[in-house]
């Protein structure tokens, strides 16, 4: 019983640390920013051609491209980014990883994803998925 109580207390402390850090992110910090995908679940992105990217406009409209282009109105609340009613083109790409990334970004943004911006690194993460982007020059 003592071990369980210790684990519960430790979980509460750690979740408090995570929440307080993510809650500081404001929509204006993402405004007019463009990011290029670097890693997926800790593994470097190894694709030919243009790297997948995500951008935010001044009104938190999200757009980007994995294989297919996507766009939608973002909402940031409590460190969670959600894009309901996201539009996406529907092409099949030659690289299987790009097709998988389309599915991943659609799922993450539609269901809500924790977002963190530290220095030039944007992280979108859930319990099962993690996408890490690097800030890029504006288009």
N, C-alpha and C. Protein backbone atom coordinates (compact mmCIF):
# COMPACT_ATOMS: atom_id res chain seq x y z
N UNK A 1 0.83 -1.20 0.00
CA UNK A 1 0.00 0.00 0.00
C UNK A 1 0.87 1.26 0.00
N UNK A 2 1.98 1.18 0.73
CA UNK A 2 2.88 2.31 0.82
C UNK A 2 3.46 2.65 -0.57
N UNK A 3 3.79 1.60 -1.35
CA UNK A 3 4.33 1.82 -2.69
C UNK A 3 3.30 2.49 -3.60
N UNK A 4 2.06 2.07 -3.49
CA UNK A 4 1.00 2.65 -4.31
C UNK A 4 0.82 4.12 -3.99
N UNK A 5 0.81 4.47 -2.72
CA UNK A 5 0.64 5.87 -2.33
C UNK A 5 1.82 6.71 -2.83
N UNK A 6 3.01 6.14 -2.78
CA UNK A 6 4.19 6.86 -3.27
C UNK A 6 4.07 7.10 -4.77
N UNK A 7 3.63 6.08 -5.50
CA UNK A 7 3.46 6.23 -6.95
C UNK A 7 2.39 7.27 -7.29
N UNK A 8 1.30 7.27 -6.54
CA UNK A 8 0.22 8.24 -6.78
C UNK A 8 0.75 9.65 -6.52
N UNK A 9 1.48 9.84 -5.44
CA UNK A 9 2.02 11.15 -5.11
C UNK A 9 3.01 11.61 -6.17
N UNK A 10 3.89 10.71 -6.60
CA UNK A 10 4.87 11.04 -7.62
C UNK A 10 4.19 11.39 -8.94
N UNK A 11 3.15 10.66 -9.31
CA UNK A 11 2.40 10.94 -10.53
C UNK A 11 1.78 12.32 -10.48
N UNK A 12 1.22 12.67 -9.34
CA UNK A 12 0.59 13.98 -9.19
C UNK A 12 1.61 15.10 -9.33
N UNK A 13 2.77 14.92 -8.74
CA UNK A 13 3.82 15.92 -8.83
C UNK A 13 4.29 16.08 -10.28
N UNK A 14 4.55 14.96 -10.95
CA UNK A 14 5.03 15.01 -12.33
C UNK A 14 3.99 15.60 -13.27
N UNK A 15 2.73 15.24 -13.10
CA UNK A 15 1.70 15.79 -13.98
C UNK A 15 1.55 17.28 -13.75
N UNK A 16 1.74 17.73 -12.54
CA UNK A 16 1.69 19.16 -12.25
C UNK A 16 2.81 19.90 -12.96
N UNK A 17 4.00 19.31 -13.01
CA UNK A 17 5.13 19.93 -13.70
C UNK A 17 4.86 20.03 -15.19
N UNK A 18 4.34 18.97 -15.78
CA UNK A 18 4.06 18.97 -17.20
C UNK A 18 2.98 19.99 -17.53
N UNK A 19 1.92 20.03 -16.75
CA UNK A 19 0.82 20.94 -17.03
C UNK A 19 1.25 22.39 -16.93
N UNK A 20 2.01 22.73 -15.90
CA UNK A 20 2.37 24.12 -15.73
C UNK A 20 3.26 24.60 -16.88
N UNK A 21 4.10 23.74 -17.41
CA UNK A 21 4.96 24.12 -18.52
C UNK A 21 4.15 24.32 -19.80
N UNK A 22 3.25 23.39 -20.12
CA UNK A 22 2.47 23.50 -21.35
C UNK A 22 1.46 24.64 -21.29
N UNK A 23 0.94 24.91 -20.11
CA UNK A 23 -0.08 25.94 -19.99
C UNK A 23 0.47 27.32 -20.32
N UNK A 24 1.78 27.49 -20.32
CA UNK A 24 2.35 28.79 -20.59
C UNK A 24 2.35 29.14 -22.08
N UNK A 25 2.15 28.16 -22.94
CA UNK A 25 2.15 28.42 -24.38
C UNK A 25 0.89 29.18 -24.76
N UNK A 26 1.08 30.27 -25.47
CA UNK A 26 -0.02 31.12 -25.91
C UNK A 26 -0.11 31.08 -27.44
N UNK A 27 -1.31 31.25 -27.98
CA UNK A 27 -1.47 31.20 -29.44
C UNK A 27 -0.53 32.16 -30.18
N UNK A 28 -0.29 33.33 -29.62
CA UNK A 28 0.56 34.30 -30.30
C UNK A 28 2.02 33.82 -30.43
N UNK A 29 2.43 32.86 -29.60
CA UNK A 29 3.78 32.30 -29.72
C UNK A 29 3.92 31.42 -30.97
N UNK A 30 2.80 30.89 -31.44
CA UNK A 30 2.81 30.06 -32.66
C UNK A 30 2.51 30.87 -33.91
N UNK A 31 1.97 32.09 -33.73
CA UNK A 31 1.53 32.91 -34.86
C UNK A 31 2.65 33.18 -35.85
N UNK A 32 2.31 32.99 -37.12
CA UNK A 32 3.22 33.26 -38.24
C UNK A 32 4.52 32.46 -38.14
N UNK A 33 4.42 31.25 -37.66
CA UNK A 33 5.59 30.38 -37.51
C UNK A 33 5.45 29.17 -38.42
N UNK A 34 6.59 28.68 -38.91
CA UNK A 34 6.65 27.50 -39.77
C UNK A 34 7.69 26.55 -39.19
N UNK A 35 7.34 25.26 -39.16
CA UNK A 35 8.21 24.24 -38.58
C UNK A 35 8.35 23.06 -39.53
N UNK A 36 9.54 22.45 -39.54
CA UNK A 36 9.83 21.30 -40.39
C UNK A 36 10.03 20.08 -39.49
N UNK A 37 9.41 18.97 -39.85
CA UNK A 37 9.45 17.75 -39.05
C UNK A 37 10.86 17.16 -39.01
N UNK A 38 11.32 16.87 -37.78
CA UNK A 38 12.65 16.27 -37.59
C UNK A 38 12.58 14.82 -37.14
N UNK A 39 11.72 14.53 -36.14
CA UNK A 39 11.64 13.16 -35.62
C UNK A 39 10.19 12.74 -35.41
N UNK A 40 9.98 11.43 -35.54
CA UNK A 40 8.68 10.81 -35.26
C UNK A 40 8.94 9.70 -34.25
N UNK A 41 8.34 9.82 -33.09
CA UNK A 41 8.54 8.85 -32.01
C UNK A 41 10.03 8.60 -31.73
N UNK A 42 10.79 9.68 -31.74
CA UNK A 42 12.21 9.60 -31.43
C UNK A 42 13.12 9.19 -32.57
N UNK A 43 12.54 8.84 -33.72
CA UNK A 43 13.33 8.40 -34.88
C UNK A 43 13.43 9.53 -35.90
N UNK A 44 14.63 9.78 -36.44
CA UNK A 44 14.79 10.84 -37.45
C UNK A 44 13.94 10.57 -38.69
N UNK A 45 13.41 11.64 -39.25
CA UNK A 45 12.64 11.54 -40.49
C UNK A 45 13.62 11.37 -41.64
N UNK A 46 13.42 10.31 -42.42
CA UNK A 46 14.30 10.05 -43.56
C UNK A 46 13.44 9.90 -44.80
N UNK A 47 13.15 11.04 -45.41
CA UNK A 47 12.31 11.08 -46.59
C UNK A 47 13.05 11.82 -47.70
N UNK A 48 12.69 11.51 -48.94
CA UNK A 48 13.25 12.24 -50.07
C UNK A 48 12.39 13.46 -50.34
N UNK A 49 12.99 14.46 -50.95
CA UNK A 49 12.23 15.65 -51.32
C UNK A 49 11.95 16.56 -50.14
N UNK A 50 10.89 17.35 -50.28
CA UNK A 50 10.52 18.32 -49.27
C UNK A 50 10.10 17.62 -47.97
N UNK A 51 10.64 18.11 -46.85
CA UNK A 51 10.29 17.53 -45.56
C UNK A 51 8.89 17.96 -45.14
N UNK A 52 8.19 17.12 -44.39
CA UNK A 52 6.87 17.49 -43.87
C UNK A 52 6.98 18.74 -42.99
N UNK A 53 5.92 19.54 -43.00
CA UNK A 53 5.94 20.78 -42.24
C UNK A 53 4.57 21.13 -41.69
N UNK A 54 4.59 22.08 -40.76
CA UNK A 54 3.37 22.62 -40.18
C UNK A 54 3.58 24.11 -39.96
N UNK A 55 2.53 24.91 -40.22
CA UNK A 55 2.59 26.36 -40.07
C UNK A 55 1.36 26.85 -39.33
N UNK A 56 1.51 28.01 -38.72
CA UNK A 56 0.41 28.64 -37.99
C UNK A 56 0.34 30.10 -38.43
N UNK A 57 -0.89 30.59 -38.71
CA UNK A 57 -1.02 32.00 -39.04
C UNK A 57 -1.36 32.79 -37.78
N UNK A 58 -1.58 34.09 -37.92
CA UNK A 58 -1.82 34.94 -36.75
C UNK A 58 -3.09 34.59 -36.00
N UNK A 59 -4.04 33.93 -36.67
CA UNK A 59 -5.31 33.54 -36.03
C UNK A 59 -5.33 32.07 -35.62
N UNK A 60 -4.15 31.45 -35.57
CA UNK A 60 -3.97 30.05 -35.21
C UNK A 60 -4.59 29.09 -36.22
N UNK A 61 -4.68 29.53 -37.47
CA UNK A 61 -5.06 28.61 -38.54
C UNK A 61 -3.85 27.74 -38.82
N UNK A 62 -4.06 26.43 -38.82
CA UNK A 62 -2.97 25.46 -38.98
C UNK A 62 -2.99 24.94 -40.41
N UNK A 63 -1.81 24.86 -41.00
CA UNK A 63 -1.70 24.27 -42.34
C UNK A 63 -0.36 23.56 -42.43
N UNK A 64 -0.26 22.65 -43.38
CA UNK A 64 0.99 21.94 -43.54
C UNK A 64 0.88 20.86 -44.58
N UNK A 65 1.93 20.05 -44.60
CA UNK A 65 1.96 18.97 -45.57
C UNK A 65 2.82 17.84 -45.02
N UNK A 66 2.30 16.65 -45.09
CA UNK A 66 3.07 15.43 -44.83
C UNK A 66 3.28 14.83 -46.22
N UNK A 67 2.30 14.05 -46.68
CA UNK A 67 2.20 13.67 -48.08
C UNK A 67 1.17 14.62 -48.68
N UNK A 68 0.03 14.67 -48.04
CA UNK A 68 -1.07 15.53 -48.45
C UNK A 68 -1.05 16.83 -47.66
N UNK A 69 -1.61 17.87 -48.27
CA UNK A 69 -1.75 19.13 -47.57
C UNK A 69 -2.92 19.07 -46.61
N UNK A 70 -2.81 19.79 -45.50
CA UNK A 70 -3.90 19.85 -44.53
C UNK A 70 -4.06 21.28 -44.02
N UNK A 71 -5.26 21.62 -43.59
CA UNK A 71 -5.53 22.94 -43.06
C UNK A 71 -6.77 22.91 -42.17
N UNK A 72 -6.82 23.80 -41.22
CA UNK A 72 -7.97 23.90 -40.34
C UNK A 72 -7.73 24.94 -39.26
N UNK A 73 -8.79 25.34 -38.61
CA UNK A 73 -8.70 26.33 -37.54
C UNK A 73 -8.29 25.66 -36.24
N UNK A 74 -7.17 26.10 -35.68
CA UNK A 74 -6.67 25.53 -34.44
C UNK A 74 -7.25 26.21 -33.22
N UNK A 75 -7.27 25.46 -32.12
CA UNK A 75 -7.68 25.99 -30.83
C UNK A 75 -6.67 25.48 -29.81
N UNK A 76 -6.13 26.39 -29.01
CA UNK A 76 -5.15 26.04 -27.99
C UNK A 76 -5.76 26.28 -26.63
N UNK A 77 -5.82 25.23 -25.83
CA UNK A 77 -6.42 25.34 -24.50
C UNK A 77 -5.69 24.41 -23.55
N UNK A 78 -5.16 24.97 -22.47
CA UNK A 78 -4.48 24.15 -21.48
C UNK A 78 -3.31 23.37 -22.04
N UNK A 79 -2.62 23.93 -23.01
CA UNK A 79 -1.48 23.24 -23.60
C UNK A 79 -1.85 22.19 -24.64
N UNK A 80 -3.14 22.11 -24.98
CA UNK A 80 -3.59 21.15 -25.97
C UNK A 80 -4.06 21.86 -27.22
N UNK A 81 -3.54 21.43 -28.36
CA UNK A 81 -3.93 21.97 -29.66
C UNK A 81 -4.91 21.02 -30.32
N UNK A 82 -6.04 21.58 -30.76
CA UNK A 82 -7.06 20.80 -31.45
C UNK A 82 -7.43 21.52 -32.74
N UNK A 83 -7.59 20.75 -33.80
CA UNK A 83 -8.05 21.29 -35.08
C UNK A 83 -9.25 20.44 -35.51
N UNK A 84 -10.43 20.94 -35.22
CA UNK A 84 -11.65 20.24 -35.63
C UNK A 84 -11.96 20.59 -37.08
N UNK A 85 -12.59 19.68 -37.78
CA UNK A 85 -13.00 19.91 -39.18
C UNK A 85 -11.80 20.24 -40.06
N UNK A 86 -10.73 19.47 -39.91
CA UNK A 86 -9.53 19.69 -40.71
C UNK A 86 -9.75 19.17 -42.13
N UNK A 87 -9.35 19.98 -43.11
CA UNK A 87 -9.41 19.55 -44.50
C UNK A 87 -8.06 18.98 -44.92
N UNK A 88 -8.10 17.95 -45.75
CA UNK A 88 -6.87 17.32 -46.21
C UNK A 88 -7.07 16.80 -47.63
N UNK A 89 -6.06 17.01 -48.48
CA UNK A 89 -6.11 16.41 -49.81
C UNK A 89 -5.98 14.90 -49.65
N UNK A 90 -6.32 14.14 -50.66
CA UNK A 90 -6.38 12.68 -50.53
C UNK A 90 -5.62 11.96 -51.64
N UNK A 91 -4.31 12.22 -51.71
CA UNK A 91 -3.48 11.52 -52.70
C UNK A 91 -2.76 10.36 -52.01
N UNK A 92 -2.38 9.37 -52.77
CA UNK A 92 -1.55 8.28 -52.26
C UNK A 92 -0.12 8.60 -52.66
N UNK A 93 0.79 8.57 -51.70
CA UNK A 93 2.19 8.89 -51.99
C UNK A 93 3.02 7.64 -52.13
N UNK A 94 4.12 7.76 -52.87
CA UNK A 94 5.00 6.62 -53.13
C UNK A 94 5.72 6.16 -51.87
N UNK A 95 6.00 7.08 -50.96
CA UNK A 95 6.71 6.73 -49.74
C UNK A 95 5.71 6.35 -48.65
N UNK A 96 5.72 5.10 -48.19
CA UNK A 96 4.76 4.65 -47.17
C UNK A 96 4.79 5.50 -45.89
N UNK A 97 5.98 6.00 -45.50
CA UNK A 97 6.06 6.80 -44.28
C UNK A 97 5.24 8.08 -44.41
N UNK A 98 5.21 8.68 -45.59
CA UNK A 98 4.41 9.89 -45.78
C UNK A 98 2.92 9.60 -45.62
N UNK A 99 2.47 8.47 -46.15
CA UNK A 99 1.06 8.10 -45.99
C UNK A 99 0.73 7.88 -44.51
N UNK A 100 1.64 7.25 -43.78
CA UNK A 100 1.44 7.03 -42.35
C UNK A 100 1.43 8.36 -41.60
N UNK A 101 2.29 9.29 -42.00
CA UNK A 101 2.34 10.59 -41.36
C UNK A 101 1.04 11.37 -41.57
N UNK A 102 0.43 11.23 -42.74
CA UNK A 102 -0.88 11.85 -42.99
C UNK A 102 -1.88 11.39 -41.94
N UNK A 103 -1.94 10.09 -41.74
CA UNK A 103 -2.86 9.52 -40.77
C UNK A 103 -2.53 10.03 -39.36
N UNK A 104 -1.25 10.05 -39.02
CA UNK A 104 -0.82 10.48 -37.68
C UNK A 104 -1.20 11.92 -37.41
N UNK A 105 -0.87 12.84 -38.32
CA UNK A 105 -1.16 14.26 -38.06
C UNK A 105 -2.66 14.50 -38.00
N UNK A 106 -3.43 13.81 -38.83
CA UNK A 106 -4.89 13.94 -38.81
C UNK A 106 -5.44 13.49 -37.45
N UNK A 107 -4.98 12.36 -36.98
CA UNK A 107 -5.43 11.83 -35.70
C UNK A 107 -5.03 12.74 -34.54
N UNK A 108 -3.78 13.18 -34.52
CA UNK A 108 -3.30 14.01 -33.43
C UNK A 108 -4.06 15.33 -33.35
N UNK A 109 -4.18 16.03 -34.46
CA UNK A 109 -4.83 17.33 -34.43
C UNK A 109 -6.33 17.23 -34.23
N UNK A 110 -6.96 16.23 -34.79
CA UNK A 110 -8.41 16.07 -34.64
C UNK A 110 -8.80 15.71 -33.20
N UNK A 111 -7.99 14.86 -32.56
CA UNK A 111 -8.31 14.41 -31.21
C UNK A 111 -7.72 15.30 -30.12
N UNK A 112 -6.80 16.15 -30.48
CA UNK A 112 -6.14 17.02 -29.51
C UNK A 112 -4.78 16.45 -29.14
N UNK A 113 -3.78 17.33 -29.11
CA UNK A 113 -2.41 16.91 -28.86
C UNK A 113 -1.74 17.95 -27.95
N UNK A 114 -0.94 17.48 -27.01
CA UNK A 114 -0.17 18.40 -26.18
C UNK A 114 0.88 19.06 -27.05
N UNK A 115 1.02 20.37 -26.90
CA UNK A 115 1.97 21.11 -27.71
C UNK A 115 2.93 21.87 -26.80
N UNK A 116 4.21 21.82 -27.20
CA UNK A 116 5.24 22.52 -26.43
C UNK A 116 6.16 23.21 -27.42
N UNK A 117 6.50 24.46 -27.13
CA UNK A 117 7.44 25.21 -27.94
C UNK A 117 8.57 25.65 -27.03
N UNK A 118 9.73 25.07 -27.24
CA UNK A 118 10.91 25.41 -26.46
C UNK A 118 12.01 25.80 -27.43
N UNK A 119 12.46 27.06 -27.31
CA UNK A 119 13.45 27.61 -28.23
C UNK A 119 12.94 27.44 -29.65
N UNK A 120 13.62 26.70 -30.49
CA UNK A 120 13.22 26.52 -31.89
C UNK A 120 12.60 25.17 -32.15
N UNK A 121 12.16 24.47 -31.09
CA UNK A 121 11.62 23.12 -31.24
C UNK A 121 10.15 23.06 -30.82
N UNK A 122 9.32 22.58 -31.74
CA UNK A 122 7.90 22.39 -31.49
C UNK A 122 7.66 20.90 -31.33
N UNK A 123 7.01 20.51 -30.24
CA UNK A 123 6.70 19.11 -30.00
C UNK A 123 5.18 18.94 -29.91
N UNK A 124 4.67 17.99 -30.69
CA UNK A 124 3.27 17.57 -30.61
C UNK A 124 3.29 16.16 -30.05
N UNK A 125 2.63 15.93 -28.93
CA UNK A 125 2.76 14.62 -28.29
C UNK A 125 1.47 14.16 -27.62
N UNK A 126 1.25 12.85 -27.69
CA UNK A 126 0.23 12.15 -26.92
C UNK A 126 0.96 11.04 -26.17
N UNK A 127 0.20 10.19 -25.49
CA UNK A 127 0.81 9.07 -24.79
C UNK A 127 1.47 8.09 -25.77
N UNK A 128 0.98 8.05 -27.02
CA UNK A 128 1.46 7.06 -27.99
C UNK A 128 2.28 7.61 -29.14
N UNK A 129 2.21 8.90 -29.39
CA UNK A 129 2.85 9.50 -30.57
C UNK A 129 3.61 10.76 -30.18
N UNK A 130 4.68 11.03 -30.91
CA UNK A 130 5.45 12.25 -30.69
C UNK A 130 6.03 12.73 -32.01
N UNK A 131 5.73 13.96 -32.37
CA UNK A 131 6.30 14.59 -33.56
C UNK A 131 7.11 15.79 -33.09
N UNK A 132 8.36 15.87 -33.48
CA UNK A 132 9.21 16.98 -33.10
C UNK A 132 9.62 17.73 -34.35
N UNK A 133 9.36 19.03 -34.34
CA UNK A 133 9.63 19.92 -35.46
C UNK A 133 10.70 20.94 -35.09
N UNK A 134 11.39 21.45 -36.09
CA UNK A 134 12.37 22.52 -35.91
C UNK A 134 11.84 23.76 -36.61
N UNK A 135 11.98 24.92 -35.95
CA UNK A 135 11.53 26.18 -36.55
C UNK A 135 12.27 26.39 -37.87
N UNK A 136 11.51 26.82 -38.88
CA UNK A 136 12.08 27.07 -40.21
C UNK A 136 11.84 28.51 -40.59
N UNK A 137 12.51 28.95 -41.62
CA UNK A 137 12.28 30.30 -42.14
C UNK A 137 10.86 30.39 -42.65
N UNK A 138 10.28 31.56 -42.56
CA UNK A 138 8.92 31.76 -43.07
C UNK A 138 8.92 31.62 -44.58
N UNK A 139 7.79 31.17 -45.11
CA UNK A 139 7.68 30.95 -46.56
C UNK A 139 7.71 32.25 -47.31
